[in-house]
Amino acid sequence: MLVVAAHTDDEALGCGGTIARHVGEGDTVYAVFMADGVTSRVGADQEDLLGRNAAAENARAILGIEENFYLGLPDNRMDSIPLIDVVQKLEPIIDRIKPNIVYTHHHGDLNVDHRITHQAVMIACRPVPGCSVRMIYAFEVMSSTEWSAPIAEPFIPNHYVDISNQLNTKLYALKAYQLEMRESPHTRSIEHIECLAHHRGYSMGMLAAESFVTLRTTR
């Protein structure tokens, strides 16, 4: 399994419980982070980048991710790079790992890096002969997916993963990103992420769930 996320913390927000469930079921999980996550911020420096990557490594250990890959593309400026160059940074990792399942961003997100990441994944994982990828799912990231413009295609999930036993692990991983989280009633607060998990779960008769849009499934 491979998670391709634009920024560190997107993996925990979007599919942290699903990652923990895959690991618990014996799957090997990797994560790729496309952009550095800090250089768009006024006054950000190398220490900020090191701190954010350290948080990602803490979350990796909590969730059970085998290895993180950091591509270091410019934060909130991925649209300034030719898409082919973005794809060519991602393809060698996919070729090396040969994942069967890929989780990534929804293409209608407000954040431009999320949208470019989605496009890059769909290109890098196109179903040519020999492609290992059999399933691709798009996750939701609070403070981006739900804030997209009305003209964008909305996030309408059609795949749910029961994370009733992994919700506490997901929330613990998010606490590793405490500098990126916000106070309630912000949508990217621990309280809201927990509420969302219960809402997605209750929608399907489960205690807690993460929801996805199915982009490809091949059995």
C-alpha atoms as a PDB file:
ATOM      1  CA  MET A   1       0.000   0.000   0.000  1.00  0.00           C
ATOM      2  CA  LEU A   2       1.204   3.517  -0.840  1.00  0.00           C
ATOM      3  CA  VAL A   3      -0.116   6.854   0.406  1.00  0.00           C
ATOM      4  CA  VAL A   4       0.758   9.790  -1.857  1.00  0.00           C
ATOM      5  CA  ALA A   5       0.130  12.995   0.066  1.00  0.00           C
ATOM      6  CA  ALA A   6       0.898  16.579  -0.814  1.00  0.00           C
ATOM      7  CA  HIS A   7       2.078  17.490   2.692  1.00  0.00           C
ATOM      8  CA  THR A   8       3.096  15.835   5.919  1.00  0.00           C
ATOM      9  CA  ASP A   9      -0.043  15.533   8.093  1.00  0.00           C
ATOM     10  CA  ASP A  10      -2.307  14.855   5.076  1.00  0.00           C
ATOM     11  CA  GLU A  11      -1.679  11.135   5.464  1.00  0.00           C
ATOM     12  CA  ALA A  12      -2.881  11.098   9.074  1.00  0.00           C
ATOM     13  CA  LEU A  13      -5.802  13.421   8.393  1.00  0.00           C
ATOM     14  CA  GLY A  14      -6.978  11.614   5.278  1.00  0.00           C
ATOM     15  CA  CYS A  15      -6.360   7.953   5.998  1.00  0.00           C
ATOM     16  CA  GLY A  16      -4.495   7.526   9.279  1.00  0.00           C
ATOM     17  CA  GLY A  17      -6.945   4.960  10.583  1.00  0.00           C
ATOM     18  CA  THR A  18      -6.903   3.035   7.319  1.00  0.00           C
ATOM     19  CA  ILE A  19      -3.094   2.983   7.385  1.00  0.00           C
ATOM     20  CA  ALA A  20      -3.137   1.556  10.912  1.00  0.00           C
ATOM     21  CA  ARG A  21      -5.702  -1.052   9.864  1.00  0.00           C
ATOM     22  CA  HIS A  22      -3.627  -2.131   6.842  1.00  0.00           C
ATOM     23  CA  VAL A  23      -0.559  -2.469   9.064  1.00  0.00           C
ATOM     24  CA  GLY A  24      -2.535  -4.461  11.625  1.00  0.00           C
ATOM     25  CA  GLU A  25      -3.655  -6.828   8.873  1.00  0.00           C
ATOM     26  CA  GLY A  26      -0.062  -7.471   7.804  1.00  0.00           C
ATOM     27  CA  ASP A  27       0.285  -5.068   4.878  1.00  0.00           C
ATOM     28  CA  THR A  28       3.396  -2.986   4.293  1.00  0.00           C
ATOM     29  CA  VAL A  29       2.613   0.707   3.967  1.00  0.00           C
ATOM     30  CA  TYR A  30       4.752   3.491   2.482  1.00  0.00           C
ATOM     31  CA  ALA A  31       4.108   7.229   2.250  1.00  0.00           C
ATOM     32  CA  VAL A  32       5.287   9.865  -0.221  1.00  0.00           C
ATOM     33  CA  PHE A  33       5.111  13.572   0.612  1.00  0.00           C
ATOM     34  CA  MET A  34       5.257  15.731  -2.488  1.00  0.00           C
ATOM     35  CA  ALA A  35       5.762  19.284  -1.150  1.00  0.00           C
ATOM     36  CA  ASP A  36       7.887  20.513   1.745  1.00  0.00           C
ATOM     37  CA  GLY A  37       4.881  21.943   3.599  1.00  0.00           C
ATOM     38  CA  VAL A  38       6.523  25.064   5.014  1.00  0.00           C
ATOM     39  CA  THR A  39       8.227  27.273   2.410  1.00  0.00           C
ATOM     40  CA  SER A  40       5.029  29.148   1.536  1.00  0.00           C
ATOM     41  CA  ARG A  41       4.869  30.481   5.094  1.00  0.00           C
ATOM     42  CA  VAL A  42       6.294  33.908   5.862  1.00  0.00           C
ATOM     43  CA  GLY A  43       9.481  33.606   7.892  1.00  0.00           C
ATOM     44  CA  ALA A  44       9.768  29.819   7.573  1.00  0.00           C
ATOM     45  CA  ASP A  45      13.306  28.450   7.697  1.00  0.00           C
ATOM     46  CA  GLN A  46      15.235  25.179   7.693  1.00  0.00           C
ATOM     47  CA  GLU A  47      14.379  24.537  11.328  1.00  0.00           C
ATOM     48  CA  ASP A  48      10.682  24.662  10.508  1.00  0.00           C
ATOM     49  CA  LEU A  49      11.187  22.092   7.753  1.00  0.00           C
ATOM     50  CA  LEU A  50      13.212  19.805  10.015  1.00  0.00           C
ATOM     51  CA  GLY A  51      10.577  20.102  12.727  1.00  0.00           C
ATOM     52  CA  ARG A  52       7.752  19.209  10.371  1.00  0.00           C
ATOM     53  CA  ASN A  53       9.635  16.225   8.970  1.00  0.00           C
ATOM     54  CA  ALA A  54      10.397  15.084  12.517  1.00  0.00           C
ATOM     55  CA  ALA A  55       6.673  15.220  13.276  1.00  0.00           C
ATOM     56  CA  ALA A  56       6.060  13.098  10.174  1.00  0.00           C
ATOM     57  CA  GLU A  57       8.537  10.518  11.412  1.00  0.00           C
ATOM     58  CA  ASN A  58       6.796  10.423  14.793  1.00  0.00           C
ATOM     59  CA  ALA A  59       3.461   9.893  13.040  1.00  0.00           C
ATOM     60  CA  ARG A  60       5.075   7.219  10.845  1.00  0.00           C
ATOM     61  CA  ALA A  61       6.104   5.256  13.941  1.00  0.00           C
ATOM     62  CA  ILE A  62       2.642   5.600  15.495  1.00  0.00           C
ATOM     63  CA  LEU A  63       0.793   4.482  12.367  1.00  0.00           C
ATOM     64  CA  GLY A  64       3.279   1.750  11.464  1.00  0.00           C
ATOM     65  CA  ILE A  65       4.376   3.138   8.085  1.00  0.00           C
ATOM     66  CA  GLU A  66       7.456   1.323   6.791  1.00  0.00           C
ATOM     67  CA  GLU A  67       9.151   4.351   5.192  1.00  0.00           C
ATOM     68  CA  ASN A  68       8.456   7.975   4.303  1.00  0.00           C
ATOM     69  CA  PHE A  69       9.724   9.607   1.104  1.00  0.00           C
ATOM     70  CA  TYR A  70      10.111  13.401   0.929  1.00  0.00           C
ATOM     71  CA  LEU A  71      10.217  14.894  -2.576  1.00  0.00           C
ATOM     72  CA  GLY A  72      10.663  18.496  -1.389  1.00  0.00           C
ATOM     73  CA  LEU A  73       8.603  20.283  -4.041  1.00  0.00           C
ATOM     74  CA  PRO A  74       7.738  23.940  -3.287  1.00  0.00           C
ATOM     75  CA  ASP A  75       4.825  24.300  -0.891  1.00  0.00           C
ATOM     76  CA  ASN A  76       1.598  25.644  -2.393  1.00  0.00           C
ATOM     77  CA  ARG A  77       3.479  26.182  -5.662  1.00  0.00           C
ATOM     78  CA  MET A  78       3.336  22.754  -7.244  1.00  0.00           C
ATOM     79  CA  ASP A  79       1.386  24.292 -10.113  1.00  0.00           C
ATOM     80  CA  SER A  80       4.512  26.302 -10.977  1.00  0.00           C
ATOM     81  CA  ILE A  81       6.270  23.084 -12.038  1.00  0.00           C
ATOM     82  CA  PRO A  82       5.477  21.282 -15.304  1.00  0.00           C
ATOM     83  CA  LEU A  83       3.244  18.337 -14.435  1.00  0.00           C
ATOM     84  CA  ILE A  84       5.554  15.919 -16.248  1.00  0.00           C
ATOM     85  CA  ASP A  85       8.381  16.911 -13.876  1.00  0.00           C
ATOM     86  CA  VAL A  86       6.162  16.181 -10.867  1.00  0.00           C
ATOM     87  CA  VAL A  87       5.180  12.804 -12.313  1.00  0.00           C
ATOM     88  CA  GLN A  88       8.796  11.886 -13.026  1.00  0.00           C
ATOM     89  CA  LYS A  89       9.691  12.463  -9.363  1.00  0.00           C
ATOM     90  CA  LEU A  90       6.927  10.107  -8.270  1.00  0.00           C
ATOM     91  CA  GLU A  91       7.316   7.316 -10.830  1.00  0.00           C
ATOM     92  CA  PRO A  92      10.631   5.869  -9.546  1.00  0.00           C
ATOM     93  CA  ILE A  93       9.112   5.359  -6.088  1.00  0.00           C
ATOM     94  CA  ILE A  94       6.075   3.606  -7.525  1.00  0.00           C
ATOM     95  CA  ASP A  95       8.348   1.446  -9.695  1.00  0.00           C
ATOM     96  CA  ARG A  96      10.424   0.525  -6.650  1.00  0.00           C
ATOM     97  CA  ILE A  97       7.573  -0.206  -4.223  1.00  0.00           C
ATOM     98  CA  LYS A  98       5.119  -1.693  -6.731  1.00  0.00           C
ATOM     99  CA  PRO A  99       2.051  -0.982  -4.592  1.00  0.00           C
ATOM    100  CA  ASN A 100      -1.247  -2.762  -5.124  1.00  0.00           C
ATOM    101  CA  ILE A 101      -3.307  -0.058  -3.418  1.00  0.00           C
ATOM    102  CA  VAL A 102      -2.768   3.723  -3.584  1.00  0.00           C
ATOM    103  CA  TYR A 103      -4.474   6.391  -1.488  1.00  0.00           C
ATOM    104  CA  THR A 104      -4.237  10.043  -2.504  1.00  0.00           C
ATOM    105  CA  HIS A 105      -6.063  13.378  -2.573  1.00  0.00           C
ATOM    106  CA  HIS A 106      -9.446  14.219  -4.013  1.00  0.00           C
ATOM    107  CA  HIS A 107      -9.104  16.217  -7.250  1.00  0.00           C
ATOM    108  CA  GLY A 108     -11.645  18.850  -6.173  1.00  0.00           C
ATOM    109  CA  ASP A 109      -9.732  20.063  -3.100  1.00  0.00           C
ATOM    110  CA  LEU A 110      -9.163  23.763  -2.498  1.00  0.00           C
ATOM    111  CA  ASN A 111      -5.415  23.324  -2.010  1.00  0.00           C
ATOM    112  CA  VAL A 112      -3.546  23.433  -5.312  1.00  0.00           C
ATOM    113  CA  ASP A 113      -0.875  20.977  -4.151  1.00  0.00           C
ATOM    114  CA  HIS A 114      -3.619  18.444  -3.407  1.00  0.00           C
ATOM    115  CA  ARG A 115      -5.004  18.776  -6.916  1.00  0.00           C
ATOM    116  CA  ILE A 116      -1.600  18.466  -8.595  1.00  0.00           C
ATOM    117  CA  THR A 117      -0.770  15.452  -6.429  1.00  0.00           C
ATOM    118  CA  HIS A 118      -4.003  13.785  -7.536  1.00  0.00           C
ATOM    119  CA  GLN A 119      -3.170  14.390 -11.200  1.00  0.00           C
ATOM    120  CA  ALA A 120       0.379  13.108 -10.787  1.00  0.00           C
ATOM    121  CA  VAL A 121      -0.843   9.914  -9.130  1.00  0.00           C
ATOM    122  CA  MET A 122      -3.383   9.202 -11.849  1.00  0.00           C
ATOM    123  CA  ILE A 123      -0.698   9.646 -14.510  1.00  0.00           C
ATOM    124  CA  ALA A 124       2.022   7.707 -12.703  1.00  0.00           C
ATOM    125  CA  CYS A 125      -0.426   4.866 -11.949  1.00  0.00           C
ATOM    126  CA  ARG A 126      -2.093   4.686 -15.349  1.00  0.00           C
ATOM    127  CA  PRO A 127      -3.108   1.072 -16.067  1.00  0.00           C
ATOM    128  CA  VAL A 128      -0.491   0.124 -18.620  1.00  0.00           C
ATOM    129  CA  PRO A 129       0.690  -3.505 -18.901  1.00  0.00           C
ATOM    130  CA  GLY A 130       2.801  -4.410 -15.900  1.00  0.00           C
ATOM    131  CA  CYS A 131       1.317  -1.753 -13.613  1.00  0.00           C
ATOM    132  CA  SER A 132       1.079  -3.131 -10.056  1.00  0.00           C
ATOM    133  CA  VAL A 133      -1.657  -0.737  -8.923  1.00  0.00           C
ATOM    134  CA  ARG A 134      -5.059  -2.387  -8.722  1.00  0.00           C
ATOM    135  CA  MET A 135      -6.952   0.085  -6.533  1.00  0.00           C
ATOM    136  CA  ILE A 136      -6.783   3.867  -6.141  1.00  0.00           C
ATOM    137  CA  TYR A 137      -8.813   5.757  -3.547  1.00  0.00           C
ATOM    138  CA  ALA A 138      -9.130   9.496  -2.866  1.00  0.00           C
ATOM    139  CA  PHE A 139      -9.394  10.693   0.734  1.00  0.00           C
ATOM    140  CA  GLU A 140     -10.727  13.891   2.272  1.00  0.00           C
ATOM    141  CA  VAL A 141      -8.542  16.375   4.156  1.00  0.00           C
ATOM    142  CA  MET A 142     -10.299  18.796   6.445  1.00  0.00           C
ATOM    143  CA  SER A 143      -9.683  22.519   5.767  1.00  0.00           C
ATOM    144  CA  SER A 144      -9.259  21.735   2.073  1.00  0.00           C
ATOM    145  CA  THR A 145     -11.750  19.200   0.742  1.00  0.00           C
ATOM    146  CA  GLU A 146     -14.788  20.755   2.392  1.00  0.00           C
ATOM    147  CA  TRP A 147     -13.703  24.313   1.516  1.00  0.00           C
ATOM    148  CA  SER A 148     -13.514  23.830  -2.256  1.00  0.00           C
ATOM    149  CA  ALA A 149     -15.494  26.104  -4.564  1.00  0.00           C
ATOM    150  CA  PRO A 150     -19.037  25.082  -5.567  1.00  0.00           C
ATOM    151  CA  ILE A 151     -17.871  24.700  -9.166  1.00  0.00           C
ATOM    152  CA  ALA A 152     -15.459  21.911  -8.163  1.00  0.00           C
ATOM    153  CA  GLU A 153     -16.653  18.324  -8.154  1.00  0.00           C
ATOM    154  CA  PRO A 154     -17.722  17.581  -4.567  1.00  0.00           C
ATOM    155  CA  PHE A 155     -16.307  14.796  -2.428  1.00  0.00           C
ATOM    156  CA  ILE A 156     -19.021  12.105  -2.514  1.00  0.00           C
ATOM    157  CA  PRO A 157     -17.627   8.963  -0.867  1.00  0.00           C
ATOM    158  CA  ASN A 158     -18.499   5.498  -2.089  1.00  0.00           C
ATOM    159  CA  HIS A 159     -15.960   3.441  -0.120  1.00  0.00           C
ATOM    160  CA  TYR A 160     -15.770   3.248   3.669  1.00  0.00           C
ATOM    161  CA  VAL A 161     -13.165   1.630   5.900  1.00  0.00           C
ATOM    162  CA  ASP A 162     -14.126   0.673   9.448  1.00  0.00           C
ATOM    163  CA  ILE A 163     -11.554   2.240  11.798  1.00  0.00           C
ATOM    164  CA  SER A 164     -13.451   1.675  15.026  1.00  0.00           C
ATOM    165  CA  ASN A 165     -10.390  -0.083  16.473  1.00  0.00           C
ATOM    166  CA  GLN A 166      -7.897   2.353  14.933  1.00  0.00           C
ATOM    167  CA  LEU A 167      -9.481   5.737  15.708  1.00  0.00           C
ATOM    168  CA  ASN A 168      -7.387   6.339  18.823  1.00  0.00           C
ATOM    169  CA  THR A 169      -4.234   5.546  16.837  1.00  0.00           C
ATOM    170  CA  LYS A 170      -5.250   8.079  14.176  1.00  0.00           C
ATOM    171  CA  LEU A 171      -5.879  10.775  16.788  1.00  0.00           C
ATOM    172  CA  TYR A 172      -2.568   9.986  18.503  1.00  0.00           C
ATOM    173  CA  ALA A 173      -0.758  10.372  15.174  1.00  0.00           C
ATOM    174  CA  LEU A 174      -2.448  13.730  14.624  1.00  0.00           C
ATOM    175  CA  LYS A 175      -1.167  14.912  17.988  1.00  0.00           C
ATOM    176  CA  ALA A 176       2.340  14.416  16.591  1.00  0.00           C
ATOM    177  CA  TYR A 177       1.372  17.240  14.218  1.00  0.00           C
ATOM    178  CA  GLN A 178       0.239  19.533  17.014  1.00  0.00           C
ATOM    179  CA  LEU A 179       1.695  22.608  15.271  1.00  0.00           C
ATOM    180  CA  GLU A 180      -0.502  21.921  12.235  1.00  0.00           C
ATOM    181  CA  MET A 181      -3.694  21.229  14.181  1.00  0.00           C
ATOM    182  CA  ARG A 182      -6.101  23.978  15.237  1.00  0.00           C
ATOM    183  CA  GLU A 183      -8.345  24.649  18.189  1.00  0.00           C
ATOM    184  CA  SER A 184     -12.021  23.715  18.075  1.00  0.00           C
ATOM    185  CA  PRO A 185     -14.307  24.699  16.341  1.00  0.00           C
ATOM    186  CA  HIS A 186     -11.824  24.691  13.421  1.00  0.00           C
ATOM    187  CA  THR A 187     -12.415  21.813  10.982  1.00  0.00           C
ATOM    188  CA  ARG A 188      -8.780  20.698  11.417  1.00  0.00           C
ATOM    189  CA  SER A 189      -9.114  20.228  15.164  1.00  0.00           C
ATOM    190  CA  ILE A 190      -8.749  16.906  16.952  1.00  0.00           C
ATOM    191  CA  GLU A 191     -12.343  17.242  18.138  1.00  0.00           C
ATOM    192  CA  HIS A 192     -13.704  17.655  14.631  1.00  0.00           C
ATOM    193  CA  ILE A 193     -11.615  14.851  13.139  1.00  0.00           C
ATOM    194  CA  GLU A 194     -13.035  12.555  15.800  1.00  0.00           C
ATOM    195  CA  CYS A 195     -16.579  13.782  15.058  1.00  0.00           C
ATOM    196  CA  LEU A 196     -16.030  13.222  11.330  1.00  0.00           C
ATOM    197  CA  ALA A 197     -14.851   9.657  11.934  1.00  0.00           C
ATOM    198  CA  HIS A 198     -17.973   8.942  13.945  1.00  0.00           C
ATOM    199  CA  HIS A 199     -20.178  10.619  11.323  1.00  0.00           C
ATOM    200  CA  ARG A 200     -18.655   8.578   8.486  1.00  0.00           C
ATOM    201  CA  GLY A 201     -18.951   5.449  10.605  1.00  0.00           C
ATOM    202  CA  TYR A 202     -22.524   6.055  11.733  1.00  0.00           C
ATOM    203  CA  SER A 203     -23.467   6.617   8.086  1.00  0.00           C
ATOM    204  CA  MET A 204     -22.547   2.969   7.473  1.00  0.00           C
ATOM    205  CA  GLY A 205     -23.587   1.447  10.797  1.00  0.00           C
ATOM    206  CA  MET A 206     -20.083   1.481  12.297  1.00  0.00           C
ATOM    207  CA  LEU A 207     -18.590   3.267  15.286  1.00  0.00           C
ATOM    208  CA  ALA A 208     -15.945   5.089  13.223  1.00  0.00           C
ATOM    209  CA  ALA A 209     -14.838   5.100   9.597  1.00  0.00           C
ATOM    210  CA  GLU A 210     -12.801   6.895   6.965  1.00  0.00           C
ATOM    211  CA  SER A 211     -14.445   7.520   3.627  1.00  0.00           C
ATOM    212  CA  PHE A 212     -13.012   7.577   0.115  1.00  0.00           C
ATOM    213  CA  VAL A 213     -13.924   8.078  -3.514  1.00  0.00           C
ATOM    214  CA  THR A 214     -13.038   5.015  -5.583  1.00  0.00           C
ATOM    215  CA  LEU A 215     -10.905   6.075  -8.541  1.00  0.00           C
ATOM    216  CA  ARG A 216      -9.997   2.589  -9.767  1.00  0.00           C
ATOM    217  CA  THR A 217     -10.665  -0.952  -8.645  1.00  0.00           C
ATOM    218  CA  THR A 218      -9.489  -4.053 -10.469  1.00  0.00           C
ATOM    219  CA  ARG A 219     -10.045  -7.507  -9.069  1.00  0.00           C
END
